[in-house]
C-alpha atoms as a PDB file:
ATOM      1  CA  UNK A   1      53.413  27.933  23.485  1.00  0.00           C
ATOM      2  CA  UNK A   2      54.196  31.150  21.590  1.00  0.00           C
ATOM      3  CA  UNK A   3      53.821  34.571  23.121  1.00  0.00           C
ATOM      4  CA  UNK A   4      52.155  36.878  20.636  1.00  0.00           C
ATOM      5  CA  UNK A   5      52.539  40.636  20.992  1.00  0.00           C
ATOM      6  CA  UNK A   6      50.269  42.773  18.845  1.00  0.00           C
ATOM      7  CA  UNK A   7      52.003  46.103  18.454  1.00  0.00           C
ATOM      8  CA  UNK A   8      49.698  48.272  16.374  1.00  0.00           C
ATOM      9  CA  UNK A   9      48.660  46.238  13.368  1.00  0.00           C
ATOM     10  CA  UNK A  10      51.854  44.136  13.181  1.00  0.00           C
ATOM     11  CA  UNK A  11      51.534  40.829  15.050  1.00  0.00           C
ATOM     12  CA  UNK A  12      54.909  39.741  16.343  1.00  0.00           C
ATOM     13  CA  UNK A  13      56.293  36.762  18.175  1.00  0.00           C
ATOM     14  CA  UNK A  14      58.737  37.857  20.887  1.00  0.00           C
ATOM     15  CA  UNK A  15      60.206  34.365  21.282  1.00  0.00           C
ATOM     16  CA  UNK A  16      62.317  34.719  18.147  1.00  0.00           C
ATOM     17  CA  UNK A  17      64.840  37.535  17.576  1.00  0.00           C
ATOM     18  CA  UNK A  18      63.831  37.917  13.935  1.00  0.00           C
ATOM     19  CA  UNK A  19      60.261  38.816  14.912  1.00  0.00           C
ATOM     20  CA  UNK A  20      60.664  40.975  18.016  1.00  0.00           C
ATOM     21  CA  UNK A  21      58.265  43.865  18.485  1.00  0.00           C
ATOM     22  CA  UNK A  22      60.153  47.173  18.541  1.00  0.00           C
ATOM     23  CA  UNK A  23      59.874  47.611  22.335  1.00  0.00           C
ATOM     24  CA  UNK A  24      61.070  44.028  22.909  1.00  0.00           C
ATOM     25  CA  UNK A  25      63.964  44.594  20.481  1.00  0.00           C
ATOM     26  CA  UNK A  26      64.985  47.757  22.373  1.00  0.00           C
ATOM     27  CA  UNK A  27      64.785  45.892  25.711  1.00  0.00           C
ATOM     28  CA  UNK A  28      67.005  43.139  24.285  1.00  0.00           C
ATOM     29  CA  UNK A  29      69.811  45.503  23.265  1.00  0.00           C
ATOM     30  CA  UNK A  30      69.660  48.308  25.859  1.00  0.00           C
ATOM     31  CA  UNK A  31      69.847  48.386  29.647  1.00  0.00           C
ATOM     32  CA  UNK A  32      67.130  50.038  31.737  1.00  0.00           C
ATOM     33  CA  UNK A  33      69.217  53.203  32.135  1.00  0.00           C
ATOM     34  CA  UNK A  34      69.984  53.264  28.383  1.00  0.00           C
ATOM     35  CA  UNK A  35      66.273  52.875  27.597  1.00  0.00           C
ATOM     36  CA  UNK A  36      65.665  56.045  29.609  1.00  0.00           C
ATOM     37  CA  UNK A  37      68.288  57.923  27.539  1.00  0.00           C
ATOM     38  CA  UNK A  38      67.022  58.803  24.039  1.00  0.00           C
ATOM     39  CA  UNK A  39      70.568  59.722  22.937  1.00  0.00           C
ATOM     40  CA  UNK A  40      71.420  56.001  23.252  1.00  0.00           C
ATOM     41  CA  UNK A  41      68.184  54.080  22.644  1.00  0.00           C
ATOM     42  CA  UNK A  42      65.993  56.630  20.856  1.00  0.00           C
ATOM     43  CA  UNK A  43      64.705  55.999  17.344  1.00  0.00           C
ATOM     44  CA  UNK A  44      67.285  58.336  15.795  1.00  0.00           C
ATOM     45  CA  UNK A  45      70.207  57.453  18.083  1.00  0.00           C
ATOM     46  CA  UNK A  46      73.203  55.625  16.593  1.00  0.00           C
ATOM     47  CA  UNK A  47      75.118  54.011  19.496  1.00  0.00           C
ATOM     48  CA  UNK A  48      77.516  52.064  17.244  1.00  0.00           C
ATOM     49  CA  UNK A  49      78.280  55.072  15.008  1.00  0.00           C
ATOM     50  CA  UNK A  50      77.623  53.245  11.726  1.00  0.00           C
ATOM     51  CA  UNK A  51      75.239  55.852  10.343  1.00  0.00           C
ATOM     52  CA  UNK A  52      72.161  53.653  10.879  1.00  0.00           C
ATOM     53  CA  UNK A  53      69.774  54.972  13.546  1.00  0.00           C
ATOM     54  CA  UNK A  54      68.152  52.475  15.902  1.00  0.00           C
ATOM     55  CA  UNK A  55      64.847  52.432  14.038  1.00  0.00           C
ATOM     56  CA  UNK A  56      66.648  51.466  10.817  1.00  0.00           C
ATOM     57  CA  UNK A  57      68.722  48.852  12.705  1.00  0.00           C
ATOM     58  CA  UNK A  58      65.450  47.344  13.939  1.00  0.00           C
ATOM     59  CA  UNK A  59      63.847  47.398  10.495  1.00  0.00           C
ATOM     60  CA  UNK A  60      66.961  45.793   8.987  1.00  0.00           C
ATOM     61  CA  UNK A  61      67.208  43.145  11.710  1.00  0.00           C
ATOM     62  CA  UNK A  62      70.706  44.248  12.734  1.00  0.00           C
ATOM     63  CA  UNK A  63      72.396  44.787  16.115  1.00  0.00           C
ATOM     64  CA  UNK A  64      72.543  48.471  17.156  1.00  0.00           C
ATOM     65  CA  UNK A  65      75.784  47.754  19.018  1.00  0.00           C
ATOM     66  CA  UNK A  66      77.676  46.334  16.021  1.00  0.00           C
ATOM     67  CA  UNK A  67      78.641  48.640  13.127  1.00  0.00           C
ATOM     68  CA  UNK A  68      77.139  47.484   9.815  1.00  0.00           C
ATOM     69  CA  UNK A  69      77.106  48.687   6.280  1.00  0.00           C
ATOM     70  CA  UNK A  70      74.106  50.858   5.511  1.00  0.00           C
ATOM     71  CA  UNK A  71      71.237  48.847   4.053  1.00  0.00           C
ATOM     72  CA  UNK A  72      71.474  48.577   0.319  1.00  0.00           C
ATOM     73  CA  UNK A  73      68.595  49.750  -1.797  1.00  0.00           C
ATOM     74  CA  UNK A  74      68.252  48.352  -5.273  1.00  0.00           C
ATOM     75  CA  UNK A  75      66.072  50.067  -7.838  1.00  0.00           C
ATOM     76  CA  UNK A  76      64.919  48.812 -11.197  1.00  0.00           C
ATOM     77  CA  UNK A  77      62.234  49.547 -13.763  1.00  0.00           C
ATOM     78  CA  UNK A  78      59.578  46.962 -14.406  1.00  0.00           C
ATOM     79  CA  UNK A  79      56.722  46.954 -16.893  1.00  0.00           C
ATOM     80  CA  UNK A  80      53.326  45.435 -16.293  1.00  0.00           C
ATOM     81  CA  UNK A  81      50.871  45.565 -19.210  1.00  0.00           C
ATOM     82  CA  UNK A  82      53.233  48.026 -20.894  1.00  0.00           C
ATOM     83  CA  UNK A  83      53.159  50.474 -17.972  1.00  0.00           C
ATOM     84  CA  UNK A  84      56.612  51.104 -16.503  1.00  0.00           C
ATOM     85  CA  UNK A  85      57.061  51.354 -12.746  1.00  0.00           C
ATOM     86  CA  UNK A  86      59.994  51.712 -10.377  1.00  0.00           C
ATOM     87  CA  UNK A  87      60.703  48.732  -8.107  1.00  0.00           C
ATOM     88  CA  UNK A  88      62.751  49.319  -4.946  1.00  0.00           C
ATOM     89  CA  UNK A  89      64.154  46.317  -3.065  1.00  0.00           C
ATOM     90  CA  UNK A  90      65.730  46.286   0.377  1.00  0.00           C
ATOM     91  CA  UNK A  91      66.361  43.990   3.315  1.00  0.00           C
ATOM     92  CA  UNK A  92      63.891  44.279   6.174  1.00  0.00           C
ATOM     93  CA  UNK A  93      62.963  42.518   9.379  1.00  0.00           C
ATOM     94  CA  UNK A  94      60.383  39.793   8.788  1.00  0.00           C
ATOM     95  CA  UNK A  95      57.405  39.864  11.094  1.00  0.00           C
ATOM     96  CA  UNK A  96      55.557  36.633  11.631  1.00  0.00           C
ATOM     97  CA  UNK A  97      53.065  35.023  13.901  1.00  0.00           C
END
């Protein structure tokens, strides 16, 4: 039986690390006292010093305690019906039900 957590409009399944809601992700990586300290567990905090704030670590599906390379953005130009557009690709956390 899956536990479904609807956080805003994003349904998430907290049984699997790849689909944790943000609050569940924070609870997984930070102690109760750290959760009360925004300099450690806040959205803009960077406890591992890798230049990626917690909110970006969550969105990238990475561990906020392990230094990573910054997420790579790839940009290209694509044309649909002769109209050019910019396409930006990046790695993100998959949310599923």
